[in-house]
Amino acid sequence: MKLESTSNSLNSIYRELVDIIGMENTEKLYAEFKGQQVSYPVKFHNKQFIYGEIKKEFNGGNLKQLAAKYDYSERTIRRIVQSKDEHEE
């Protein structure tokens, strides 16, 4: 027998999720991940994608702007654009 849930009846993290993604999606996340500790990376996109974008956008004079945009140091941006393989770090 399933309990009828309201936002007020939920633990705090689930109340927050309901506010963001709605009750139905929160219930799906709960069913899939209940009891697990989930950690979300700071960066939304993977490194390979970001490195490829940096290489596409680099024009020789925008090192500082790319560093700010992608939250990397200028040294890291320089290393990325100089690498032959976008999978390298």
PDB file of N, CA and C in Angstrom:
ATOM      1  N   MET A   1       0.839  -1.180   0.000  1.00  0.00           N
ATOM      2  CA  MET A   1       0.000   0.000   0.000  1.00  0.00           C
ATOM      3  C   MET A   1       0.883   1.242   0.000  1.00  0.00           C
ATOM      4  N   LYS A   2       0.696   2.081  -0.960  1.00  0.00           N
ATOM      5  CA  LYS A   2       1.497   3.294  -1.101  1.00  0.00           C
ATOM      6  C   LYS A   2       0.866   4.432  -0.301  1.00  0.00           C
ATOM      7  N   LEU A   3       1.702   5.140   0.464  1.00  0.00           N
ATOM      8  CA  LEU A   3       1.212   6.306   1.197  1.00  0.00           C
ATOM      9  C   LEU A   3       1.034   7.472   0.246  1.00  0.00           C
ATOM     10  N   GLU A   4       0.002   8.241   0.459  1.00  0.00           N
ATOM     11  CA  GLU A   4      -0.224   9.450  -0.333  1.00  0.00           C
ATOM     12  C   GLU A   4       0.702  10.533   0.210  1.00  0.00           C
ATOM     13  N   SER A   5       1.603  11.029  -0.629  1.00  0.00           N
ATOM     14  CA  SER A   5       2.614  11.990  -0.186  1.00  0.00           C
ATOM     15  C   SER A   5       2.202  13.417  -0.502  1.00  0.00           C
ATOM     16  N   THR A   6       2.519  14.284   0.436  1.00  0.00           N
ATOM     17  CA  THR A   6       2.438  15.718   0.194  1.00  0.00           C
ATOM     18  C   THR A   6       3.810  16.271   0.491  1.00  0.00           C
ATOM     19  N   SER A   7       4.116  17.426  -0.028  1.00  0.00           N
ATOM     20  CA  SER A   7       5.432  18.023   0.183  1.00  0.00           C
ATOM     21  C   SER A   7       5.770  18.128   1.668  1.00  0.00           C
ATOM     22  N   ASN A   8       4.784  18.472   2.488  1.00  0.00           N
ATOM     23  CA  ASN A   8       5.023  18.646   3.934  1.00  0.00           C
ATOM     24  C   ASN A   8       5.320  17.342   4.650  1.00  0.00           C
ATOM     25  N   SER A   9       4.973  16.205   4.053  1.00  0.00           N
ATOM     26  CA  SER A   9       5.186  14.921   4.721  1.00  0.00           C
ATOM     27  C   SER A   9       6.564  14.328   4.424  1.00  0.00           C
ATOM     28  N   LEU A  10       7.351  14.997   3.594  1.00  0.00           N
ATOM     29  CA  LEU A  10       8.625  14.440   3.137  1.00  0.00           C
ATOM     30  C   LEU A  10       9.806  14.947   3.952  1.00  0.00           C
ATOM     31  N   ASN A  11      10.876  14.157   3.965  1.00  0.00           N
ATOM     32  CA  ASN A  11      12.132  14.624   4.537  1.00  0.00           C
ATOM     33  C   ASN A  11      12.629  15.812   3.729  1.00  0.00           C
ATOM     34  N   SER A  12      13.459  16.632   4.344  1.00  0.00           N
ATOM     35  CA  SER A  12      13.834  17.932   3.767  1.00  0.00           C
ATOM     36  C   SER A  12      14.424  17.854   2.362  1.00  0.00           C
ATOM     37  N   ILE A  13      15.318  16.917   2.091  1.00  0.00           N
ATOM     38  CA  ILE A  13      15.919  16.851   0.762  1.00  0.00           C
ATOM     39  C   ILE A  13      14.865  16.555  -0.291  1.00  0.00           C
ATOM     40  N   TYR A  14      13.892  15.729   0.050  1.00  0.00           N
ATOM     41  CA  TYR A  14      12.832  15.402  -0.908  1.00  0.00           C
ATOM     42  C   TYR A  14      11.889  16.585  -1.104  1.00  0.00           C
ATOM     43  N   ARG A  15      11.657  17.372  -0.050  1.00  0.00           N
ATOM     44  CA  ARG A  15      10.853  18.591  -0.207  1.00  0.00           C
ATOM     45  C   ARG A  15      11.534  19.538  -1.185  1.00  0.00           C
ATOM     46  N   GLU A  16      12.851  19.659  -1.059  1.00  0.00           N
ATOM     47  CA  GLU A  16      13.605  20.530  -1.971  1.00  0.00           C
ATOM     48  C   GLU A  16      13.505  20.020  -3.407  1.00  0.00           C
ATOM     49  N   LEU A  17      13.631  18.725  -3.583  1.00  0.00           N
ATOM     50  CA  LEU A  17      13.520  18.149  -4.921  1.00  0.00           C
ATOM     51  C   LEU A  17      12.126  18.358  -5.509  1.00  0.00           C
ATOM     52  N   VAL A  18      11.093  18.209  -4.696  1.00  0.00           N
ATOM     53  CA  VAL A  18       9.727  18.440  -5.178  1.00  0.00           C
ATOM     54  C   VAL A  18       9.601  19.864  -5.697  1.00  0.00           C
ATOM     55  N   ASP A  19      10.188  20.820  -4.977  1.00  0.00           N
ATOM     56  CA  ASP A  19      10.134  22.219  -5.415  1.00  0.00           C
ATOM     57  C   ASP A  19      10.831  22.417  -6.756  1.00  0.00           C
ATOM     58  N   ILE A  20      11.871  21.637  -7.019  1.00  0.00           N
ATOM     59  CA  ILE A  20      12.664  21.804  -8.236  1.00  0.00           C
ATOM     60  C   ILE A  20      12.107  20.986  -9.402  1.00  0.00           C
ATOM     61  N   ILE A  21      11.786  19.717  -9.161  1.00  0.00           N
ATOM     62  CA  ILE A  21      11.420  18.828 -10.280  1.00  0.00           C
ATOM     63  C   ILE A  21      10.028  18.211 -10.173  1.00  0.00           C
ATOM     64  N   GLY A  22       9.301  18.526  -9.114  1.00  0.00           N
ATOM     65  CA  GLY A  22       7.941  18.010  -8.968  1.00  0.00           C
ATOM     66  C   GLY A  22       7.884  16.681  -8.230  1.00  0.00           C
ATOM     67  N   MET A  23       6.694  16.360  -7.740  1.00  0.00           N
ATOM     68  CA  MET A  23       6.491  15.155  -6.927  1.00  0.00           C
ATOM     69  C   MET A  23       6.752  13.876  -7.727  1.00  0.00           C
ATOM     70  N   GLU A  24       6.228  13.775  -8.931  1.00  0.00           N
ATOM     71  CA  GLU A  24       6.377  12.548  -9.713  1.00  0.00           C
ATOM     72  C   GLU A  24       7.843  12.221  -9.982  1.00  0.00           C
ATOM     73  N   ASN A  25       8.623  13.220 -10.403  1.00  0.00           N
ATOM     74  CA  ASN A  25      10.049  12.985 -10.672  1.00  0.00           C
ATOM     75  C   ASN A  25      10.821  12.708  -9.386  1.00  0.00           C
ATOM     76  N   THR A  26      10.438  13.342  -8.292  1.00  0.00           N
ATOM     77  CA  THR A  26      11.072  13.066  -7.004  1.00  0.00           C
ATOM     78  C   THR A  26      10.822  11.626  -6.593  1.00  0.00           C
ATOM     79  N   GLU A  27       9.601  11.147  -6.796  1.00  0.00           N
ATOM     80  CA  GLU A  27       9.283   9.748  -6.478  1.00  0.00           C
ATOM     81  C   GLU A  27      10.108   8.793  -7.335  1.00  0.00           C
ATOM     82  N   LYS A  28      10.334   9.143  -8.596  1.00  0.00           N
ATOM     83  CA  LYS A  28      11.165   8.308  -9.478  1.00  0.00           C
ATOM     84  C   LYS A  28      12.610   8.271  -8.989  1.00  0.00           C
ATOM     85  N   LEU A  29      13.143   9.438  -8.629  1.00  0.00           N
ATOM     86  CA  LEU A  29      14.511   9.484  -8.096  1.00  0.00           C
ATOM     87  C   LEU A  29      14.615   8.671  -6.811  1.00  0.00           C
ATOM     88  N   TYR A  30      13.632   8.809  -5.946  1.00  0.00           N
ATOM     89  CA  TYR A  30      13.614   8.058  -4.692  1.00  0.00           C
ATOM     90  C   TYR A  30      13.623   6.557  -4.966  1.00  0.00           C
ATOM     91  N   ALA A  31      12.767   6.115  -5.866  1.00  0.00           N
ATOM     92  CA  ALA A  31      12.683   4.689  -6.182  1.00  0.00           C
ATOM     93  C   ALA A  31      14.004   4.156  -6.737  1.00  0.00           C
ATOM     94  N   GLU A  32      14.668   4.964  -7.528  1.00  0.00           N
ATOM     95  CA  GLU A  32      15.917   4.535  -8.168  1.00  0.00           C
ATOM     96  C   GLU A  32      17.113   4.585  -7.223  1.00  0.00           C
ATOM     97  N   PHE A  33      17.175   5.604  -6.361  1.00  0.00           N
ATOM     98  CA  PHE A  33      18.391   5.848  -5.585  1.00  0.00           C
ATOM     99  C   PHE A  33      18.217   5.777  -4.066  1.00  0.00           C
ATOM    100  N   LYS A  34      17.068   5.402  -3.562  1.00  0.00           N
ATOM    101  CA  LYS A  34      16.844   5.413  -2.109  1.00  0.00           C
ATOM    102  C   LYS A  34      17.920   4.620  -1.377  1.00  0.00           C
ATOM    103  N   GLY A  35      18.372   5.204  -0.297  1.00  0.00           N
ATOM    104  CA  GLY A  35      19.395   4.560   0.520  1.00  0.00           C
ATOM    105  C   GLY A  35      20.814   4.774   0.043  1.00  0.00           C
ATOM    106  N   GLN A  36      20.982   5.340  -1.146  1.00  0.00           N
ATOM    107  CA  GLN A  36      22.319   5.575  -1.691  1.00  0.00           C
ATOM    108  C   GLN A  36      22.739   7.017  -1.439  1.00  0.00           C
ATOM    109  N   GLN A  37      24.013   7.200  -1.328  1.00  0.00           N
ATOM    110  CA  GLN A  37      24.554   8.549  -1.250  1.00  0.00           C
ATOM    111  C   GLN A  37      24.954   8.952  -2.667  1.00  0.00           C
ATOM    112  N   VAL A  38      24.399  10.047  -3.147  1.00  0.00           N
ATOM    113  CA  VAL A  38      24.653  10.501  -4.506  1.00  0.00           C
ATOM    114  C   VAL A  38      25.479  11.778  -4.435  1.00  0.00           C
ATOM    115  N   SER A  39      26.531  11.824  -5.227  1.00  0.00           N
ATOM    116  CA  SER A  39      27.398  12.994  -5.276  1.00  0.00           C
ATOM    117  C   SER A  39      27.370  13.556  -6.687  1.00  0.00           C
ATOM    118  N   TYR A  40      27.180  14.856  -6.789  1.00  0.00           N
ATOM    119  CA  TYR A  40      27.126  15.495  -8.092  1.00  0.00           C
ATOM    120  C   TYR A  40      28.421  16.265  -8.325  1.00  0.00           C
ATOM    121  N   PRO A  41      29.107  16.022  -9.453  1.00  0.00           N
ATOM    122  CA  PRO A  41      30.337  16.749  -9.754  1.00  0.00           C
ATOM    123  C   PRO A  41      30.065  18.259  -9.873  1.00  0.00           C
ATOM    124  N   VAL A  42      31.060  19.053  -9.565  1.00  0.00           N
ATOM    125  CA  VAL A  42      30.945  20.501  -9.675  1.00  0.00           C
ATOM    126  C   VAL A  42      30.711  20.906 -11.123  1.00  0.00           C
ATOM    127  N   LYS A  43      31.411  20.264 -12.034  1.00  0.00           N
ATOM    128  CA  LYS A  43      31.268  20.563 -13.465  1.00  0.00           C
ATOM    129  C   LYS A  43      30.139  19.717 -14.044  1.00  0.00           C
ATOM    130  N   PHE A  44      29.264  20.348 -14.823  1.00  0.00           N
ATOM    131  CA  PHE A  44      28.125  19.659 -15.412  1.00  0.00           C
ATOM    132  C   PHE A  44      28.549  18.783 -16.584  1.00  0.00           C
ATOM    133  N   HIS A  45      29.462  19.285 -17.424  1.00  0.00           N
ATOM    134  CA  HIS A  45      29.936  18.550 -18.600  1.00  0.00           C
ATOM    135  C   HIS A  45      31.237  17.821 -18.287  1.00  0.00           C
ATOM    136  N   ASN A  46      31.491  16.727 -19.028  1.00  0.00           N
ATOM    137  CA  ASN A  46      32.729  15.981 -18.807  1.00  0.00           C
ATOM    138  C   ASN A  46      33.921  16.724 -19.422  1.00  0.00           C
ATOM    139  N   LYS A  47      35.113  16.343 -18.991  1.00  0.00           N
ATOM    140  CA  LYS A  47      36.340  17.036 -19.424  1.00  0.00           C
ATOM    141  C   LYS A  47      36.545  16.972 -20.925  1.00  0.00           C
ATOM    142  N   GLN A  48      36.257  15.847 -21.535  1.00  0.00           N
ATOM    143  CA  GLN A  48      36.473  15.715 -22.969  1.00  0.00           C
ATOM    144  C   GLN A  48      35.652  16.760 -23.734  1.00  0.00           C
ATOM    145  N   PHE A  49      34.413  16.942 -23.330  1.00  0.00           N
ATOM    146  CA  PHE A  49      33.563  17.927 -23.992  1.00  0.00           C
ATOM    147  C   PHE A  49      34.096  19.343 -23.762  1.00  0.00           C
ATOM    148  N   ILE A  50      34.415  19.653 -22.514  1.00  0.00           N
ATOM    149  CA  ILE A  50      34.906  20.996 -22.185  1.00  0.00           C
ATOM    150  C   ILE A  50      36.208  21.282 -22.923  1.00  0.00           C
ATOM    151  N   TYR A  51      37.125  20.320 -22.934  1.00  0.00           N
ATOM    152  CA  TYR A  51      38.404  20.520 -23.621  1.00  0.00           C
ATOM    153  C   TYR A  51      38.185  20.777 -25.105  1.00  0.00           C
ATOM    154  N   GLY A  52      37.270  20.036 -25.702  1.00  0.00           N
ATOM    155  CA  GLY A  52      36.962  20.243 -27.119  1.00  0.00           C
ATOM    156  C   GLY A  52      36.408  21.639 -27.372  1.00  0.00           C
ATOM    157  N   GLU A  53      35.539  22.108 -26.497  1.00  0.00           N
ATOM    158  CA  GLU A  53      34.975  23.452 -26.638  1.00  0.00           C
ATOM    159  C   GLU A  53      36.054  24.515 -26.495  1.00  0.00           C
ATOM    160  N   ILE A  54      36.949  24.321 -25.537  1.00  0.00           N
ATOM    161  CA  ILE A  54      38.042  25.277 -25.337  1.00  0.00           C
ATOM    162  C   ILE A  54      38.905  25.348 -26.589  1.00  0.00           C
ATOM    163  N   LYS A  55      39.226  24.179 -27.144  1.00  0.00           N
ATOM    164  CA  LYS A  55      40.060  24.154 -28.353  1.00  0.00           C
ATOM    165  C   LYS A  55      39.360  24.840 -29.527  1.00  0.00           C
ATOM    166  N   LYS A  56      38.042  24.647 -29.648  1.00  0.00           N
ATOM    167  CA  LYS A  56      37.294  25.294 -30.728  1.00  0.00           C
ATOM    168  C   LYS A  56      37.252  26.809 -30.554  1.00  0.00           C
ATOM    169  N   GLU A  57      37.128  27.262 -29.312  1.00  0.00           N
ATOM    170  CA  GLU A  57      36.961  28.688 -29.038  1.00  0.00           C
ATOM    171  C   GLU A  57      38.272  29.457 -28.965  1.00  0.00           C
ATOM    172  N   PHE A  58      39.368  28.751 -28.750  1.00  0.00           N
ATOM    173  CA  PHE A  58      40.656  29.435 -28.584  1.00  0.00           C
ATOM    174  C   PHE A  58      41.065  30.108 -29.885  1.00  0.00           C
ATOM    175  N   ASN A  59      41.404  31.407 -29.790  1.00  0.00           N
ATOM    176  CA  ASN A  59      41.808  32.158 -30.983  1.00  0.00           C
ATOM    177  C   ASN A  59      43.201  32.766 -30.849  1.00  0.00           C
ATOM    178  N   GLY A  60      43.927  32.369 -29.823  1.00  0.00           N
ATOM    179  CA  GLY A  60      45.271  32.879 -29.614  1.00  0.00           C
ATOM    180  C   GLY A  60      45.324  34.081 -28.697  1.00  0.00           C
ATOM    181  N   GLY A  61      44.222  34.763 -28.536  1.00  0.00           N
ATOM    182  CA  GLY A  61      44.234  35.954 -27.692  1.00  0.00           C
ATOM    183  C   GLY A  61      43.181  35.965 -26.611  1.00  0.00           C
ATOM    184  N   ASN A  62      42.507  34.858 -26.406  1.00  0.00           N
ATOM    185  CA  ASN A  62      41.416  34.838 -25.431  1.00  0.00           C
ATOM    186  C   ASN A  62      41.648  33.866 -24.275  1.00  0.00           C
ATOM    187  N   LEU A  63      42.895  33.666 -23.922  1.00  0.00           N
ATOM    188  CA  LEU A  63      43.260  32.752 -22.845  1.00  0.00           C
ATOM    189  C   LEU A  63      42.567  33.133 -21.540  1.00  0.00           C
ATOM    190  N   LYS A  64      42.641  34.387 -21.174  1.00  0.00           N
ATOM    191  CA  LYS A  64      42.062  34.863 -19.917  1.00  0.00           C
ATOM    192  C   LYS A  64      40.539  34.692 -19.911  1.00  0.00           C
ATOM    193  N   GLN A  65      39.886  34.992 -21.033  1.00  0.00           N
ATOM    194  CA  GLN A  65      38.437  34.862 -21.114  1.00  0.00           C
ATOM    195  C   GLN A  65      37.995  33.395 -21.001  1.00  0.00           C
ATOM    196  N   LEU A  66      38.737  32.502 -21.660  1.00  0.00           N
ATOM    197  CA  LEU A  66      38.400  31.081 -21.580  1.00  0.00           C
ATOM    198  C   LEU A  66      38.608  30.547 -20.166  1.00  0.00           C
ATOM    199  N   ALA A  67      39.666  31.004 -19.519  1.00  0.00           N
ATOM    200  CA  ALA A  67      39.925  30.580 -18.141  1.00  0.00           C
ATOM    201  C   ALA A  67      38.762  30.987 -17.239  1.00  0.00           C
ATOM    202  N   ALA A  68      38.282  32.202 -17.405  1.00  0.00           N
ATOM    203  CA  ALA A  68      37.153  32.672 -16.599  1.00  0.00           C
ATOM    204  C   ALA A  68      35.870  31.908 -16.954  1.00  0.00           C
ATOM    205  N   LYS A  69      35.615  31.722 -18.238  1.00  0.00           N
ATOM    206  CA  LYS A  69      34.393  31.067 -18.688  1.00  0.00           C
ATOM    207  C   LYS A  69      34.293  29.631 -18.183  1.00  0.00           C
ATOM    208  N   TYR A  70      35.407  28.901 -18.245  1.00  0.00           N
ATOM    209  CA  TYR A  70      35.389  27.485 -17.896  1.00  0.00           C
ATOM    210  C   TYR A  70      35.918  27.190 -16.492  1.00  0.00           C
ATOM    211  N   ASP A  71      36.241  28.247 -15.758  1.00  0.00           N
ATOM    212  CA  ASP A  71      36.715  28.119 -14.371  1.00  0.00           C
ATOM    213  C   ASP A  71      37.966  27.241 -14.261  1.00  0.00           C
ATOM    214  N   TYR A  72      38.903  27.506 -15.161  1.00  0.00           N
ATOM    215  CA  TYR A  72      40.216  26.871 -15.135  1.00  0.00           C
ATOM    216  C   TYR A  72      41.272  27.965 -15.054  1.00  0.00           C
ATOM    217  N   SER A  73      42.469  27.601 -14.656  1.00  0.00           N
ATOM    218  CA  SER A  73      43.564  28.570 -14.656  1.00  0.00           C
ATOM    219  C   SER A  73      44.026  28.799 -16.095  1.00  0.00           C
ATOM    220  N   GLU A  74      44.685  29.918 -16.322  1.00  0.00           N
ATOM    221  CA  GLU A  74      45.226  30.185 -17.656  1.00  0.00           C
ATOM    222  C   GLU A  74      46.248  29.118 -18.030  1.00  0.00           C
ATOM    223  N   ARG A  75      46.985  28.651 -17.065  1.00  0.00           N
ATOM    224  CA  ARG A  75      47.973  27.599 -17.317  1.00  0.00           C
ATOM    225  C   ARG A  75      47.295  26.325 -17.828  1.00  0.00           C
ATOM    226  N   THR A  76      46.172  25.966 -17.210  1.00  0.00           N
ATOM    227  CA  THR A  76      45.437  24.778 -17.645  1.00  0.00           C
ATOM    228  C   THR A  76      44.886  24.970 -19.054  1.00  0.00           C
ATOM    229  N   ILE A  77      44.340  26.144 -19.337  1.00  0.00           N
ATOM    230  CA  ILE A  77      43.829  26.422 -20.688  1.00  0.00           C
ATOM    231  C   ILE A  77      44.953  26.294 -21.702  1.00  0.00           C
ATOM    232  N   ARG A  78      46.104  26.842 -21.381  1.00  0.00           N
ATOM    233  CA  ARG A  78      47.266  26.761 -22.283  1.00  0.00           C
ATOM    234  C   ARG A  78      47.636  25.299 -22.538  1.00  0.00           C
ATOM    235  N   ARG A  79      47.643  24.500 -21.484  1.00  0.00           N
ATOM    236  CA  ARG A  79      47.981  23.081 -21.618  1.00  0.00           C
ATOM    237  C   ARG A  79      46.935  22.357 -22.483  1.00  0.00           C
ATOM    238  N   ILE A  80      45.675  22.707 -22.318  1.00  0.00           N
ATOM    239  CA  ILE A  80      44.610  22.073 -23.097  1.00  0.00           C
ATOM    240  C   ILE A  80      44.763  22.395 -24.579  1.00  0.00           C
ATOM    241  N   VAL A  81      44.959  23.660 -24.910  1.00  0.00           N
ATOM    242  CA  VAL A  81      45.027  24.037 -26.327  1.00  0.00           C
ATOM    243  C   VAL A  81      46.312  23.542 -26.986  1.00  0.00           C
ATOM    244  N   GLN A  82      47.338  23.273 -26.200  1.00  0.00           N
ATOM    245  CA  GLN A  82      48.593  22.769 -26.761  1.00  0.00           C
ATOM    246  C   GLN A  82      48.594  21.251 -26.905  1.00  0.00           C
ATOM    247  N   SER A  83      47.660  20.579 -26.235  1.00  0.00           N
ATOM    248  CA  SER A  83      47.643  19.122 -26.308  1.00  0.00           C
ATOM    249  C   SER A  83      47.082  18.677 -27.667  1.00  0.00           C
ATOM    250  N   LYS A  84      47.571  17.532 -28.138  1.00  0.00           N
ATOM    251  CA  LYS A  84      47.121  16.989 -29.421  1.00  0.00           C
ATOM    252  C   LYS A  84      45.804  16.234 -29.266  1.00  0.00           C
ATOM    253  N   ASP A  85      45.619  15.615 -28.112  1.00  0.00           N
ATOM    254  CA  ASP A  85      44.441  14.782 -27.851  1.00  0.00           C
ATOM    255  C   ASP A  85      43.573  15.476 -26.829  1.00  0.00           C
ATOM    256  N   GLU A  86      42.322  15.747 -27.150  1.00  0.00           N
ATOM    257  CA  GLU A  86      41.432  16.455 -26.228  1.00  0.00           C
ATOM    258  C   GLU A  86      41.085  15.625 -24.998  1.00  0.00           C
ATOM    259  N   HIS A  87      41.493  14.344 -24.950  1.00  0.00           N
ATOM    260  CA  HIS A  87      41.243  13.524 -23.787  1.00  0.00           C
ATOM    261  C   HIS A  87      42.362  13.645 -22.753  1.00  0.00           C
ATOM    262  N   GLU A  88      43.436  14.308 -23.116  1.00  0.00           N
ATOM    263  CA  GLU A  88      44.557  14.495 -22.191  1.00  0.00           C
ATOM    264  C   GLU A  88      44.204  15.561 -21.177  1.00  0.00           C
ATOM    265  N   GLU A  89      44.894  15.502 -20.060  1.00  0.00           N
ATOM    266  CA  GLU A  89      44.753  16.560 -19.070  1.00  0.00           C
ATOM    267  C   GLU A  89      46.081  17.204 -18.833  1.00  0.00           C
TER     268      GLU A  89
END
